[in-house]
Structures are given as structure tokens and as C-alpha cells.
Amino acid sequence: MAYTLEFEKSAIRALRKLTPPVAEQIEKDIRRLCEQPRPPCCIKLKSNAELWRIRSGSYRVIYQIQDSKLIVLIVDVGHRKDIYN
């Protein structure tokens, strides 16, 4: 059962600002979430019970899993020093 990816506008803007090699790696990691939205490397955020996080190098992808609709909603993408602010 594959999940569908959806993106918040802010996440799309953040991906467009990245250099092409970094953006490609992050997009590859995001596509993997379709098959396994809770990979072993993911962490549930303590600040918001609905959000999850995966690492992609020095960058973080914040996302929400909607199991009832089989959707992974990418909320934000950013460098680790900026993403949690």
C-alpha cells in the first residue's frame, strides 16, 4: 500500500532554494516515504504530536502522516540549524 505525497507551499519554496545536488538527495529521501512513511531513521517530534522528521545529510524534512487517507504531507524542509525555529 503506497502513500501519496503532498507538499505545503513552504516546503516547495524551500526545496527550490537548495542547490541541485542537495535538492536531488532530499527528493530521493522524500520519495522513499511513499513506501515506508515511518522508516527506522524517522523521529516523532515532541513539540507537535502529528509531525515526524527524517534526516537527509545536514537537512531535515518535517512531515505529517495521514494514515486514513494514505497521504504523506511534507510540511517543511530546511537546514538543521534553522528548521526547528
Protein backbone atom coordinates (compact mmCIF):
# COMPACT_ATOMS: atom_id res chain seq x y z
CA MET A 1 0.00 0.00 0.00
CA ALA A 2 1.75 3.13 -1.26
CA TYR A 3 1.16 6.56 0.20
CA THR A 4 0.68 9.69 -1.90
CA LEU A 5 2.98 12.67 -1.45
CA GLU A 6 1.61 16.17 -0.96
CA PHE A 7 3.61 19.32 -0.29
CA GLU A 8 2.89 22.52 1.59
CA LYS A 9 3.80 25.63 -0.43
CA SER A 10 6.53 26.50 2.07
CA ALA A 11 8.19 23.11 1.54
CA ILE A 12 8.17 23.57 -2.24
CA ARG A 13 9.74 27.03 -1.88
CA ALA A 14 12.40 25.65 0.46
CA LEU A 15 13.31 22.85 -1.97
CA ARG A 16 13.62 25.31 -4.87
CA LYS A 17 16.15 27.40 -2.91
CA LEU A 18 18.54 24.46 -2.44
CA THR A 19 21.43 23.59 -4.72
CA PRO A 20 20.55 20.88 -7.27
CA PRO A 21 22.63 18.05 -5.70
CA VAL A 22 21.20 18.69 -2.24
CA ALA A 23 17.64 19.00 -3.56
CA GLU A 24 18.00 15.74 -5.51
CA GLN A 25 19.12 13.83 -2.41
CA ILE A 26 16.29 15.25 -0.31
CA GLU A 27 13.72 14.46 -3.03
CA LYS A 28 15.04 10.90 -3.20
CA ASP A 29 14.60 10.53 0.57
CA ILE A 30 11.10 12.03 0.36
CA ARG A 31 10.07 9.58 -2.39
CA ARG A 32 11.06 6.69 -0.10
CA LEU A 33 8.38 7.85 2.34
CA CYS A 34 5.71 6.70 -0.14
CA GLU A 35 6.60 3.07 0.53
CA GLN A 36 7.53 3.39 4.19
CA PRO A 37 6.29 6.58 5.89
CA ARG A 38 7.85 5.54 9.20
CA PRO A 39 11.37 4.37 8.31
CA PRO A 40 13.71 3.31 11.14
CA CYS A 41 15.50 6.67 10.95
CA CYS A 42 12.37 8.81 11.48
CA ILE A 43 11.59 10.56 14.74
CA LYS A 44 8.26 11.80 16.02
CA LEU A 45 8.58 15.44 17.07
CA LYS A 46 7.91 16.16 20.71
CA SER A 47 6.75 19.71 20.02
CA ASN A 48 3.89 18.52 17.78
CA ALA A 49 2.48 15.01 18.10
CA GLU A 50 1.32 14.97 14.47
CA LEU A 51 4.72 15.69 12.89
CA TRP A 52 7.63 13.42 12.01
CA ARG A 53 11.19 14.14 10.95
CA ILE A 54 13.78 12.45 8.75
CA ARG A 55 17.38 13.47 8.19
CA SER A 56 18.91 13.99 4.79
CA GLY A 57 22.52 14.98 5.34
CA SER A 58 22.52 18.33 7.14
CA TYR A 59 18.90 18.93 6.19
CA ARG A 60 15.66 17.87 7.83
CA VAL A 61 12.30 17.02 6.31
CA ILE A 62 9.29 17.65 8.54
CA TYR A 63 6.17 15.77 7.52
CA GLN A 64 2.76 14.57 8.64
CA ILE A 65 1.33 11.10 8.05
CA GLN A 66 -2.39 10.81 7.32
CA ASP A 67 -2.95 7.06 7.56
CA SER A 68 -6.70 7.24 6.92
CA LYS A 69 -6.12 8.89 3.51
CA LEU A 70 -2.72 7.26 2.76
CA ILE A 71 -1.05 10.67 2.43
CA VAL A 72 2.38 11.89 3.48
CA LEU A 73 2.24 15.69 3.72
CA ILE A 74 5.65 17.37 3.51
CA VAL A 75 5.36 20.38 5.80
CA ASP A 76 8.85 21.88 5.69
CA VAL A 77 12.40 21.28 4.53
CA GLY A 78 15.44 23.10 5.90
CA HIS A 79 18.92 23.05 7.29
CA ARG A 80 19.20 21.52 10.74
CA LYS A 81 20.20 24.83 12.34
CA ASP A 82 17.10 26.62 11.00
CA ILE A 83 14.32 24.06 10.74
CA TYR A 84 13.19 23.95 14.37
CA ASN A 85 12.87 27.72 14.85
